[in-house]
Protein backbone atom coordinates (compact mmCIF):
# COMPACT_ATOMS: atom_id res chain seq x y z
CA VAL A 1 -81.38 227.36 70.84
CA CYS A 2 -78.72 227.22 68.13
CA ARG A 3 -75.68 227.14 70.22
CA SER A 4 -74.26 230.12 68.48
CA ASN A 5 -71.59 232.54 70.28
CA LYS A 6 -72.09 235.24 68.01
CA SER A 7 -73.92 238.39 68.76
CA PRO A 8 -75.37 237.39 72.17
CA TRP A 9 -78.55 239.48 73.19
CA VAL A 10 -79.81 239.21 76.93
CA CYS A 11 -83.76 239.76 77.64
CA LEU A 12 -83.90 242.42 80.30
CA THR A 13 -87.04 240.77 81.68
CA CYS A 14 -86.03 237.14 82.10
CA SER A 15 -82.17 237.25 81.55
CA SER A 16 -82.34 234.60 78.98
CA VAL A 17 -79.86 234.95 76.18
CA HIS A 18 -80.37 234.33 72.54
CA CYS A 19 -78.72 235.36 69.19
CA GLY A 20 -79.28 238.46 67.34
CA ARG A 21 -80.89 239.35 64.23
CA TYR A 22 -77.79 238.98 61.92
CA VAL A 23 -77.34 235.32 63.12
CA ASN A 24 -80.57 233.41 63.54
CA GLY A 25 -82.81 235.79 65.25
CA HIS A 26 -83.71 233.96 68.19
CA ALA A 27 -83.82 236.94 70.35
CA LYS A 28 -86.57 238.38 68.34
CA LYS A 29 -88.45 235.14 68.27
CA HIS A 30 -88.30 235.01 72.16
CA TYR A 31 -89.89 238.41 72.17
CA GLU A 32 -92.67 237.14 69.62
CA ASP A 33 -93.18 234.12 71.64
CA ALA A 34 -93.66 235.97 74.83
CA GLN A 35 -96.47 238.24 73.40
CA ILE A 36 -99.77 238.13 75.45
CA PRO A 37 -102.73 237.49 73.09
CA MET A 38 -105.09 240.54 72.79
CA THR A 39 -108.41 240.15 74.48
CA ASN A 40 -111.37 242.59 74.60
CA HIS A 41 -110.26 243.85 78.15
CA LYS A 42 -107.48 246.29 78.47
CA LYS A 43 -104.16 244.94 79.42
CA THR A 44 -103.07 245.31 83.00
CA GLU A 45 -99.82 246.73 84.33
CA LYS A 46 -98.77 243.29 85.25
CA GLN A 47 -99.47 241.87 81.73
CA GLU A 48 -97.44 244.81 80.22
CA LYS A 49 -94.46 243.76 82.33
CA VAL A 50 -93.97 240.34 81.13
CA GLN A 51 -93.88 240.84 77.35
CA HIS A 52 -89.85 240.69 77.04
CA THR A 53 -89.76 243.71 74.74
CA VAL A 54 -86.34 245.12 75.79
CA CYS A 55 -83.16 243.12 75.42
CA MET A 56 -79.25 244.24 75.54
CA ASP A 57 -76.63 243.52 73.20
CA CYS A 58 -73.95 241.74 75.43
CA SER A 59 -71.00 243.01 73.05
CA SER A 60 -71.86 246.72 72.79
CA TYR A 61 -74.05 247.05 75.88
CA SER A 62 -76.72 248.94 73.61
CA THR A 63 -80.21 248.45 74.83
CA TYR A 64 -83.03 247.56 72.13
CA CYS A 65 -86.79 247.70 72.18
CA TYR A 66 -88.60 245.20 69.77
CA ARG A 67 -91.94 246.99 70.20
CA CYS A 68 -90.48 250.21 69.17
CA ASP A 69 -88.09 248.52 66.90
CA ASP A 70 -85.49 251.02 67.94
CA PHE A 71 -82.38 251.26 70.07
CA VAL A 72 -83.03 253.07 73.47
CA VAL A 73 -80.80 255.76 74.79
CA ASN A 74 -82.45 256.72 78.04
CA ASP A 75 -82.51 254.73 81.23
CA THR A 76 -85.18 253.96 84.13
CA LYS A 77 -85.40 256.07 86.91
CA LEU A 78 -83.38 253.77 89.13
CA GLY A 79 -80.64 253.56 86.53
CA LEU A 80 -81.33 249.73 86.12
CA VAL A 81 -80.01 249.55 82.51
CA GLN A 82 -76.65 251.06 83.56
CA LYS A 83 -76.35 248.68 86.42
CA VAL A 84 -76.82 245.66 83.92
CA ARG A 85 -74.27 247.24 81.95
CA GLU A 86 -71.68 247.50 84.70
CA HIS A 87 -72.54 243.83 85.76
CA LEU A 88 -72.02 242.38 82.07
CA GLN A 89 -68.67 244.44 81.94
CA ASN A 90 -67.60 242.94 85.30
CA LEU A 91 -68.27 239.56 84.06
CA GLU A 92 -66.52 240.07 80.92
CA ASN A 93 -63.40 241.49 82.51
CA SER A 94 -63.35 238.71 84.95
CA ALA A 95 -63.88 236.07 82.21
CA PHE A 96 -61.25 237.73 80.08
CA THR A 97 -58.71 237.64 82.99
CA SER A 98 -59.38 233.89 84.04
CA ASP A 99 -59.63 232.50 80.50
CA ARG A 100 -56.77 234.35 78.81
CA HIS A 101 -54.21 231.48 79.35
CA ARG A 102 -56.75 228.85 78.43
CA LYS A 103 -57.67 230.52 75.29
CA ARG A 104 -54.13 231.15 74.34
CA LYS A 105 -53.32 227.51 74.80
CA LEU A 106 -56.53 226.71 72.76
CA LEU A 107 -55.24 228.84 69.81
CA GLU A 108 -51.96 227.16 70.08
CA ASN A 109 -53.32 223.57 69.79
CA SER A 110 -56.29 224.03 67.73
CA SER A 111 -55.66 223.03 64.07
CA LEU A 112 -59.49 223.66 63.00
CA ASN A 113 -59.55 227.25 64.29
CA ASN A 114 -59.80 229.61 61.38
CA LYS A 115 -57.96 232.20 63.30
CA LEU A 116 -54.72 230.09 62.50
CA LEU A 117 -52.73 230.52 59.44
CA LYS A 118 -50.05 228.50 57.55
CA VAL A 119 -47.36 231.03 56.63
CA ASN A 120 -44.10 229.56 55.22
CA GLY A 121 -44.88 226.29 57.03
CA SER A 122 -45.33 227.78 60.42
CA THR A 123 -48.60 228.33 62.33
CA THR A 124 -49.36 231.89 63.28
CA ALA A 125 -52.42 233.41 65.04
CA LEU A 126 -54.79 235.78 63.25
CA CYS A 127 -54.22 239.42 64.28
CA ALA A 128 -57.20 240.94 62.84
CA THR A 129 -59.61 242.81 65.10
CA GLY A 130 -63.34 243.43 64.47
CA LEU A 131 -65.54 246.23 65.36
CA ARG A 132 -68.42 245.95 67.68
CA ASN A 133 -71.82 247.06 66.28
CA LEU A 134 -73.01 249.97 68.58
CA GLY A 135 -76.65 249.56 67.33
CA ASN A 136 -76.88 249.60 63.30
CA THR A 137 -73.35 250.78 63.07
CA CYS A 138 -72.29 248.33 60.50
CA PHE A 139 -72.24 251.04 57.93
CA MET A 140 -69.41 252.78 59.96
CA ASN A 141 -67.64 249.54 60.70
CA ALA A 142 -67.40 248.42 57.07
CA ILE A 143 -66.00 251.90 56.09
CA LEU A 144 -63.54 251.96 58.91
CA GLN A 145 -62.26 248.46 58.26
CA SER A 146 -61.75 249.28 54.43
CA LEU A 147 -59.89 252.50 55.28
CA SER A 148 -57.73 250.61 57.83
CA ASN A 149 -56.44 248.34 54.96
CA ILE A 150 -55.26 251.37 52.80
CA GLN A 151 -51.75 251.39 54.19
CA GLN A 152 -50.52 254.67 53.21
CA PHE A 153 -53.72 256.53 54.42
CA CYS A 154 -53.95 254.36 57.57
CA CYS A 155 -50.30 254.83 58.53
CA TYR A 156 -50.38 258.53 58.26
CA PHE A 157 -52.98 258.76 61.25
CA LYS A 158 -51.36 256.08 63.32
CA GLU A 159 -48.07 257.97 63.24
CA LEU A 160 -49.84 261.22 64.49
CA PRO A 161 -49.08 262.23 68.09
CA ALA A 162 -51.65 261.44 70.71
CA VAL A 163 -53.98 264.39 71.70
CA GLU A 164 -55.59 263.69 75.26
CA LEU A 165 -58.76 265.61 75.34
CA ARG A 166 -60.24 264.22 78.43
CA ASN A 167 -59.52 265.35 81.81
CA GLY A 168 -58.26 263.08 84.67
CA LYS A 169 -61.67 262.24 86.12
CA THR A 170 -62.82 260.49 82.76
CA ALA A 171 -59.68 259.23 81.42
CA GLY A 172 -59.63 255.45 80.96
CA ARG A 173 -63.32 255.13 82.19
CA ARG A 174 -65.78 253.61 79.85
CA THR A 175 -68.49 256.01 79.18
CA TYR A 176 -71.89 255.40 77.54
CA HIS A 177 -72.58 258.80 75.64
CA THR A 178 -76.10 260.23 74.88
CA ARG A 179 -77.25 262.95 72.78
CA SER A 180 -77.72 265.26 75.79
CA GLN A 181 -74.11 265.27 76.54
CA GLY A 182 -72.69 268.74 76.15
CA ASP A 183 -69.01 268.09 75.66
CA ASN A 184 -67.92 269.98 72.65
CA ASN A 185 -64.19 269.25 73.14
CA VAL A 186 -64.11 266.54 70.55
CA SER A 187 -61.49 265.58 67.88
CA LEU A 188 -62.55 263.29 64.91
CA VAL A 189 -58.79 263.03 63.85
CA GLU A 190 -57.87 261.79 67.51
CA GLU A 191 -60.72 259.16 67.91
CA PHE A 192 -60.04 258.06 64.06
CA ARG A 193 -56.31 257.62 65.06
CA LYS A 194 -57.10 255.69 68.26
CA THR A 195 -59.49 253.40 66.13
CA LEU A 196 -57.04 252.47 63.56
CA CYS A 197 -54.46 251.97 66.29
CA ALA A 198 -56.73 249.59 67.82
CA LEU A 199 -56.97 247.43 64.59
CA TRP A 200 -54.44 244.71 63.54
CA GLN A 201 -52.85 244.65 67.05
CA GLY A 202 -54.03 241.07 67.74
CA SER A 203 -54.56 242.16 71.41
CA GLN A 204 -58.47 241.60 71.17
CA THR A 205 -60.88 239.83 68.91
CA ALA A 206 -63.25 242.98 68.68
CA PHE A 207 -62.81 246.79 69.58
CA SER A 208 -65.92 248.89 70.60
CA PRO A 209 -65.47 252.24 68.63
CA GLU A 210 -68.19 254.14 70.94
CA SER A 211 -65.85 257.08 71.45
CA LEU A 212 -65.58 257.72 67.64
CA PHE A 213 -69.17 257.06 67.23
CA TYR A 214 -69.93 259.81 69.98
CA VAL A 215 -67.78 262.36 68.00
CA VAL A 216 -69.61 261.30 64.71
CA TRP A 217 -73.03 262.20 66.54
CA LYS A 218 -71.55 265.49 67.74
CA ILE A 219 -70.04 266.73 64.40
CA MET A 220 -72.34 264.99 61.90
CA PRO A 221 -75.85 265.50 62.90
CA ASN A 222 -77.23 263.33 59.95
CA PHE A 223 -75.67 260.09 61.65
CA ARG A 224 -77.37 260.70 65.01
CA GLY A 225 -79.45 257.82 66.44
CA TYR A 226 -79.28 254.13 65.79
CA GLN A 227 -81.02 253.73 62.43
CA GLN A 228 -79.01 252.27 59.46
CA GLN A 229 -77.44 254.73 57.28
CA ASP A 230 -75.79 254.82 53.95
CA ALA A 231 -72.10 253.60 54.21
CA HIS A 232 -71.18 255.70 50.96
CA GLU A 233 -72.62 258.92 52.55
CA PHE A 234 -70.78 258.22 55.74
CA MET A 235 -67.50 257.75 53.96
CA ARG A 236 -67.77 261.08 52.15
CA TYR A 237 -68.78 263.00 55.49
CA LEU A 238 -65.95 261.23 57.18
CA LEU A 239 -63.34 262.13 54.77
CA ASP A 240 -64.48 265.58 54.31
CA HIS A 241 -64.54 266.32 58.11
CA LEU A 242 -61.10 264.70 58.51
CA HIS A 243 -59.78 267.14 55.60
CA LEU A 244 -61.38 270.05 57.30
CA GLU A 245 -59.89 269.26 60.65
CA LEU A 246 -56.50 268.17 59.45
CA GLN A 247 -56.27 271.92 58.14
CA GLY A 248 -56.45 273.03 61.63
CA GLY A 249 -58.67 274.58 64.22
CA PHE A 250 -61.89 272.59 63.21
CA ASN A 251 -64.75 272.43 65.72
CA GLY A 252 -62.93 274.53 68.12
CA VAL A 253 -60.01 272.27 68.58
CA SER A 254 -56.63 273.28 67.89
CA ARG A 255 -54.87 270.93 65.64
CA SER A 256 -51.53 272.65 65.15
CA VAL A 257 -49.61 269.42 65.78
CA ILE A 258 -51.07 267.92 62.67
CA LEU A 259 -50.81 270.66 60.18
CA GLN A 260 -49.44 269.89 56.76
CA GLU A 261 -45.71 270.31 57.68
CA ASN A 262 -45.94 266.78 59.35
CA SER A 263 -46.89 265.27 56.28
CA ASN A 264 -44.04 263.65 54.10
CA LEU A 265 -46.16 263.44 50.90
CA SER A 266 -44.77 265.18 47.99
CA ALA A 267 -46.52 268.24 46.66
CA SER A 268 -46.83 266.90 43.31
CA ASN A 269 -49.42 264.30 44.63
CA LYS A 270 -51.53 266.72 46.39
CA CYS A 271 -55.16 267.78 45.12
CA CYS A 272 -56.59 270.79 46.61
CA ILE A 273 -60.22 270.38 47.73
CA ASN A 274 -61.75 272.99 50.01
CA GLY A 275 -58.56 274.97 51.04
CA ALA A 276 -55.18 273.46 51.82
CA SER A 277 -54.04 269.82 50.80
CA THR A 278 -54.17 267.10 53.29
CA VAL A 279 -53.53 263.36 53.47
CA VAL A 280 -57.14 262.94 52.47
CA THR A 281 -56.96 264.74 49.25
CA ALA A 282 -53.25 263.52 48.42
CA ILE A 283 -54.47 259.85 48.70
CA PHE A 284 -58.09 260.13 47.47
CA GLY A 285 -58.03 263.18 45.46
CA GLY A 286 -58.21 263.25 41.67
CA ILE A 287 -59.26 265.67 38.97
CA LEU A 288 -62.22 265.36 36.48
CA GLN A 289 -62.66 267.48 33.24
CA ASN A 290 -66.20 268.28 32.61
CA GLU A 291 -66.62 269.04 28.96
CA VAL A 292 -70.08 270.60 27.55
CA ASN A 293 -70.91 271.43 24.00
CA CYS A 294 -73.83 273.50 22.74
CA LEU A 295 -75.61 271.54 20.15
CA ILE A 296 -76.74 274.86 18.60
CA CYS A 297 -73.79 277.02 18.10
CA GLY A 298 -71.03 274.44 19.04
CA THR A 299 -69.61 276.57 21.94
CA GLU A 300 -67.34 274.34 24.11
CA SER A 301 -67.26 274.92 27.92
CA ARG A 302 -64.55 273.20 29.95
CA LYS A 303 -64.55 272.74 33.87
CA PHE A 304 -62.16 271.05 36.21
CA ASP A 305 -63.83 269.55 39.24
CA PRO A 306 -61.87 267.56 41.99
CA PHE A 307 -63.11 264.44 43.45
CA LEU A 308 -62.36 261.79 46.29
CA ASP A 309 -64.53 259.18 44.55
CA LEU A 310 -66.48 258.44 41.55
CA SER A 311 -70.39 257.61 41.63
CA LEU A 312 -71.05 255.24 38.62
CA ASP A 313 -74.56 254.34 37.34
CA ILE A 314 -75.27 250.51 36.71
CA PRO A 315 -76.44 250.98 33.04
CA SER A 316 -80.29 250.44 32.63
CA GLN A 317 -79.88 247.50 30.23
CA PHE A 318 -78.55 245.43 33.25
CA ARG A 319 -80.89 246.42 35.89
CA ASN A 320 -83.92 244.31 35.02
CA LYS A 321 -84.13 241.22 37.13
CA ARG A 322 -84.58 238.09 34.98
CA THR A 323 -86.96 235.31 35.74
CA LYS A 324 -85.75 231.70 35.75
CA ASN A 325 -87.28 230.95 32.42
CA GLN A 326 -85.45 233.83 30.70
CA GLU A 327 -82.19 233.40 29.03
CA SER A 328 -79.40 235.17 30.95
CA GLY A 329 -78.09 238.28 29.07
CA PRO A 330 -74.62 239.67 29.30
CA MET A 331 -72.97 240.30 32.50
CA CYS A 332 -72.53 243.88 33.64
CA THR A 333 -68.77 244.52 34.36
CA LEU A 334 -67.12 247.51 36.13
CA ARG A 335 -65.86 248.69 32.52
CA ASP A 336 -69.58 248.94 31.58
CA CYS A 337 -70.13 251.38 34.63
CA LEU A 338 -66.97 253.39 33.88
CA ARG A 339 -67.85 253.68 30.13
CA SER A 340 -71.47 254.78 30.98
CA PHE A 341 -69.89 257.44 33.23
CA THR A 342 -67.39 258.79 30.62
CA ASP A 343 -69.27 258.26 27.48
CA LEU A 344 -70.57 261.29 25.54
CA GLU A 345 -74.35 261.95 26.54
CA GLU A 346 -76.96 264.44 25.61
CA LEU A 347 -78.49 266.23 28.48
CA ASP A 348 -82.09 266.07 28.80
CA GLU A 349 -84.64 268.95 28.93
CA THR A 350 -84.30 269.38 32.81
CA GLU A 351 -80.41 269.89 32.40
CA LEU A 352 -80.28 272.51 29.49
CA TYR A 353 -77.07 274.21 29.52
CA MET A 354 -76.63 278.17 29.70
CA CYS A 355 -74.64 278.91 26.49
CA HIS A 356 -72.71 281.95 26.98
CA LYS A 357 -72.74 282.60 23.02
CA CYS A 358 -76.43 282.04 22.52
CA LYS A 359 -77.29 283.76 25.88
CA LYS A 360 -79.89 281.17 26.66
CA LYS A 361 -80.38 277.63 27.82
CA GLN A 362 -79.63 275.23 24.95
CA LYS A 363 -79.52 271.57 24.38
CA SER A 364 -75.95 270.30 24.83
CA THR A 365 -73.93 267.19 25.19
CA LYS A 366 -71.56 266.22 28.29
CA LYS A 367 -68.49 264.11 28.57
CA PHE A 368 -66.27 263.37 31.36
CA TRP A 369 -62.49 263.04 31.22
CA ILE A 370 -60.11 262.10 34.19
CA GLN A 371 -57.37 264.62 34.22
CA LYS A 372 -55.62 263.39 37.13
CA LEU A 373 -55.80 259.75 38.83
CA PRO A 374 -55.82 259.54 42.70
CA LYS A 375 -53.36 257.15 44.44
CA VAL A 376 -56.52 255.24 45.64
CA LEU A 377 -59.40 255.08 43.26
CA CYS A 378 -62.66 254.66 45.23
CA LEU A 379 -65.67 253.72 42.93
CA HIS A 380 -69.27 253.92 44.48
CA LEU A 381 -71.80 251.93 42.24
CA LYS A 382 -75.25 253.52 42.53
CA ARG A 383 -76.98 250.68 43.92
CA PHE A 384 -80.06 252.92 45.24
CA HIS A 385 -82.17 255.09 43.01
CA TRP A 386 -85.61 256.87 43.46
CA THR A 387 -88.68 255.58 41.68
CA ALA A 388 -91.98 257.49 42.19
CA TYR A 389 -91.89 257.55 46.20
CA LEU A 390 -89.65 254.79 46.83
CA ARG A 391 -85.94 254.49 46.90
CA ASN A 392 -85.06 250.83 45.29
CA LYS A 393 -82.06 248.78 45.12
CA VAL A 394 -80.39 247.65 42.13
CA ASP A 395 -79.25 244.25 43.04
CA THR A 396 -77.54 243.34 39.85
CA TYR A 397 -74.00 241.74 40.02
CA VAL A 398 -71.17 243.78 38.71
CA GLU A 399 -68.08 241.88 37.69
CA PHE A 400 -64.84 243.63 38.89
CA PRO A 401 -61.18 242.88 38.37
CA LEU A 402 -59.08 242.16 41.67
CA ARG A 403 -56.03 243.05 39.73
CA GLY A 404 -54.96 245.21 36.96
CA LEU A 405 -57.74 247.68 36.55
CA ASP A 406 -56.64 249.83 33.58
CA MET A 407 -57.81 253.32 33.70
CA LYS A 408 -55.81 254.66 30.91
CA CYS A 409 -58.52 254.89 28.17
CA TYR A 410 -60.45 257.28 30.46
CA LEU A 411 -57.59 259.71 30.87
CA LEU A 412 -57.65 263.06 29.12
CA GLU A 413 -53.85 262.84 28.36
CA PRO A 414 -53.00 259.19 28.51
CA GLU A 415 -49.62 259.64 26.55
CA ASN A 416 -48.30 261.60 29.71
CA SER A 417 -48.84 258.81 31.99
CA GLY A 418 -46.27 256.03 33.02
CA PRO A 419 -46.75 252.26 32.16
CA GLU A 420 -48.01 251.24 35.58
CA SER A 421 -49.46 254.57 36.80
CA CYS A 422 -53.02 253.68 35.31
CA LEU A 423 -53.07 250.21 36.81
CA TYR A 424 -55.06 249.52 39.93
CA ASP A 425 -55.22 246.55 42.25
CA LEU A 426 -58.23 245.80 44.71
CA VAL A 427 -57.66 246.51 48.40
CA ALA A 428 -61.30 246.59 49.82
CA VAL A 429 -64.80 246.01 48.90
CA VAL A 430 -67.84 247.33 50.81
CA VAL A 431 -71.19 244.99 50.28
CA HIS A 432 -74.65 245.76 51.15
CA HIS A 433 -76.93 242.86 52.09
CA GLY A 434 -80.66 243.66 52.04
CA SER A 435 -83.05 245.17 49.84
CA GLY A 436 -83.23 248.96 51.14
CA VAL A 437 -80.93 251.91 52.19
CA GLY A 438 -82.45 252.18 55.62
CA SER A 439 -82.30 248.53 56.24
CA GLY A 440 -80.08 245.55 55.64
CA HIS A 441 -76.48 245.04 56.79
CA TYR A 442 -72.95 246.12 55.53
CA THR A 443 -69.80 244.12 55.65
CA ALA A 444 -66.61 244.46 54.02
CA TYR A 445 -63.72 242.49 52.26
CA ALA A 446 -60.15 243.69 52.43
CA ALA A 447 -56.70 242.52 51.53
CA HIS A 448 -54.02 242.68 54.27
CA GLU A 449 -50.49 241.40 53.58
CA GLY A 450 -51.59 239.24 50.78
CA ARG A 451 -54.52 237.61 52.44
CA TRP A 452 -58.34 238.59 51.97
CA PHE A 453 -60.53 239.06 55.23
CA HIS A 454 -64.17 239.39 55.62
CA PHE A 455 -65.17 241.87 58.19
CA ASN A 456 -68.66 241.35 59.68
CA ASP A 457 -68.72 243.64 62.59
CA SER A 458 -67.19 241.66 65.50
CA THR A 459 -66.44 238.78 63.42
CA VAL A 460 -63.31 238.41 61.17
CA THR A 461 -62.87 235.60 59.09
CA LEU A 462 -60.10 234.53 56.46
CA THR A 463 -61.66 234.29 52.98
CA ASP A 464 -60.23 233.66 49.19
CA GLU A 465 -60.25 235.89 46.07
CA ASP A 466 -63.18 233.88 44.57
CA THR A 467 -65.29 234.71 47.47
CA VAL A 468 -64.49 238.27 47.10
CA GLY A 469 -64.90 238.37 43.30
CA LYS A 470 -68.48 237.09 43.72
CA ALA A 471 -69.61 239.96 46.11
CA LYS A 472 -72.10 242.27 44.81
CA ALA A 473 -69.97 245.30 45.53
CA TYR A 474 -71.19 248.84 46.46
CA ILE A 475 -67.87 250.67 47.16
CA LEU A 476 -64.69 249.42 45.66
CA PHE A 477 -61.20 250.67 46.76
CA TYR A 478 -58.37 250.44 44.16
CA VAL A 479 -54.71 251.14 45.11
CA GLU A 480 -52.48 252.59 42.36
CA ARG A 481 -50.00 249.86 41.33
CA GLN A 482 -46.40 250.99 42.03
CA ALA A 483 -44.06 250.71 39.31
CA LYS A 484 -41.41 248.10 39.55
CA PRO A 485 -37.72 249.31 39.27
CA GLY A 486 -36.42 249.09 35.84
CA ALA A 487 -39.96 248.54 34.39
CA GLU A 488 -39.55 251.45 32.36
CA LYS A 489 -36.66 250.03 30.47
CA LEU A 490 -38.52 247.07 29.04
């Protein structure tokens, strides 16, 4: 209908192909148009069959039912869905082989293709690789693309030795995993490594991370199924499980080859969270000082808490949606969110502090200081909050710097930091499009070798800094700026 070649979905009733819900939604319209009007008599089995309710994503081969509004993991008794998958895969493979030379010539000759860049006067092909959506897995894709552009973190995994966990019968064969499969011999680190290696090679336009998603299902029960998930929650689970597995022997898999002795990160940069230090804590780990003061006797209590990311509230004065007739108020900035996080606050009645001197719960104040900044500062903006029985989204735009985020004023001992060690430059942004945490769509912006890219599942496009700066950020990844040689002498 719209001649789009993005996200094609094929109807399993009539084989017509339409675009998916994140393009123009013609696949859903096809289903709606094919509905039989309800009559007083019961629908016959024949009428039931022509309603075009089930379709398949031609990219990920996942099956979706519009009547159930959910992805389908089972098959028919005759295995017809699997036959369609195999047929589509054969078509894809033959088309890829026959058209590879033609596409290469097209890339070389086309000056309008957005996958071509001008670098130092010469034209080079865009080597970015997208991630196929396996059924509402955009939350995972956005996080994976962001992490893949954090060079020190990504390079560590890519340099790990491969661990082949599959036997000879299944090696190299494309499999479609379901929840009923009982294979416990899985490694999150290994599948994460394979996924990172597949990105930025330029050998394909999109990679299907189904093996990684299968491991996620096995070891993170919260993310089973095909419903939309919270990208920040997934990132925390992913980093925590990578950290656990890198310490060795997680989930029954021996990981002696990737223990700490293989890491060339210096001991001074390690932050210990739940056991021995790993690349996860060495890159993302920081330390907070939590300072609580009793308002009755003045007793001060200090506690040090390690963190992998900071969750920041958007101050309440910026949350109200303004109508067209109202004058626009002050713009919310990332500094406002950081200040709200670190400012002194009085705890309410539900958070009374147990004072050891008074021997009972008392009113108190709380303040956060950052004792140690991480190499990569991950900032999560709390856009989802509970009101009564609903979880609403705060859609406020928060202005954030692309370069030179100065964290010195939030440090416990700023005088002990170097001139460049508190400055951070943006490397990736995760954006949530939509109104609710259980719906909508996630995309990511990330910088790679000085250029900004927009990652929207399978589609990767070049973009510019102005576009990135206008995004309504959900998660921000900042990399510590490296001090230039001789800068301390200035």
